[in-house]
Amino acid sequence: MLREFHALMPGYRLAMEEILAEGDLAAVSAAAHRFKGTVSMLGARDLAAAFAQMQAAAKDRRAQGTRRRRQALTGTSQWVTS
């Protein structure tokens, strides 16, 4: 399961980058929720927390907060893509 997750993570990152670029906060919230669930099942707590914060910012319609969370995710997910 971890190998599958490792293989999927670059696609998750790309998908989130595209959704954020579109500026659709409802889509950001939905994607962050999905990704949060996936990484939570695998025990990636820091990554899950970053997705949870991104989801909350998107739900509150805070575009700036979602951009900050994207920057945090870049650092958090380095262990996954290395």
Protein backbone atom coordinates (compact mmCIF):
# COMPACT_ATOMS: atom_id res chain seq x y z
CA MET A 1 0.00 0.00 0.00
CA LEU A 2 2.85 2.42 0.73
CA ARG A 3 4.34 1.83 -2.72
CA GLU A 4 0.99 2.65 -4.30
CA PHE A 5 0.75 5.81 -2.20
CA HIS A 6 4.28 6.81 -3.16
CA ALA A 7 3.39 6.33 -6.82
CA LEU A 8 0.18 8.37 -6.51
CA MET A 9 1.58 11.32 -4.54
CA PRO A 10 3.07 13.21 -7.53
CA GLY A 11 -0.33 13.02 -9.22
CA TYR A 12 -2.02 14.34 -6.08
CA ARG A 13 0.39 17.25 -5.99
CA LEU A 14 -0.15 18.03 -9.66
CA ALA A 15 -3.92 17.81 -9.29
CA MET A 16 -3.88 20.15 -6.30
CA GLU A 17 -1.64 22.63 -8.15
CA GLU A 18 -4.08 22.69 -11.07
CA ILE A 19 -7.12 23.13 -8.81
CA LEU A 20 -5.40 25.93 -6.89
CA ALA A 21 -4.42 27.65 -10.13
CA GLU A 22 -8.07 27.63 -11.22
CA GLY A 23 -9.05 29.34 -7.97
CA ASP A 24 -12.12 27.14 -7.43
CA LEU A 25 -12.24 27.03 -3.63
CA ALA A 26 -15.03 24.43 -3.55
CA ALA A 27 -12.85 22.11 -5.65
CA VAL A 28 -9.85 22.88 -3.42
CA SER A 29 -11.88 21.94 -0.35
CA ALA A 30 -13.11 18.68 -1.91
CA ALA A 31 -9.66 17.65 -3.11
CA ALA A 32 -8.03 18.52 0.22
CA HIS A 33 -10.67 16.44 2.00
CA ARG A 34 -10.00 13.42 -0.27
CA PHE A 35 -6.23 13.70 0.04
CA LYS A 36 -6.48 14.21 3.82
CA GLY A 37 -8.38 10.93 4.14
CA THR A 38 -5.89 9.03 2.03
CA VAL A 39 -2.80 10.25 3.84
CA SER A 40 -4.48 9.84 7.24
CA MET A 41 -5.05 6.14 6.56
CA LEU A 42 -1.32 5.81 5.98
CA GLY A 43 -0.34 7.65 9.13
CA ALA A 44 1.11 10.75 7.45
CA ARG A 45 -0.11 13.07 10.20
CA ASP A 46 1.78 16.22 9.18
CA LEU A 47 0.56 15.92 5.61
CA ALA A 48 -3.00 15.21 6.78
CA ALA A 49 -2.90 18.27 9.03
CA ALA A 50 -1.73 20.45 6.14
CA PHE A 51 -4.59 19.18 3.96
CA ALA A 52 -7.05 19.76 6.82
CA GLN A 53 -5.89 23.35 7.16
CA MET A 54 -6.15 23.84 3.39
CA GLN A 55 -9.66 22.40 3.44
CA ALA A 56 -10.69 24.74 6.27
CA ALA A 57 -9.23 27.78 4.48
CA ALA A 58 -11.06 26.86 1.28
CA LYS A 59 -14.34 26.32 3.12
CA ASP A 60 -13.96 29.74 4.74
CA ARG A 61 -13.37 31.18 1.25
CA ARG A 62 -9.86 32.30 2.17
CA ALA A 63 -7.86 32.04 -1.06
CA GLN A 64 -4.74 33.46 0.61
CA GLY A 65 -4.94 30.74 3.27
CA THR A 66 -5.07 28.03 0.62
CA ARG A 67 -1.97 29.45 -1.07
CA ARG A 68 -0.08 29.43 2.25
CA ARG A 69 -1.16 25.83 2.83
CA ARG A 70 0.10 24.90 -0.64
CA GLN A 71 3.52 26.26 0.34
CA ALA A 72 3.41 24.22 3.55
CA LEU A 73 2.45 21.09 1.62
CA THR A 74 5.47 21.45 -0.62
CA GLY A 75 7.76 21.12 2.38
CA THR A 76 5.66 18.49 4.14
CA SER A 77 5.46 16.18 1.18
CA GLN A 78 9.16 16.17 0.31
CA TRP A 79 9.61 12.86 2.14
CA VAL A 80 7.01 11.29 -0.14
CA THR A 81 8.51 12.32 -3.45
CA SER A 82 12.20 11.89 -2.58
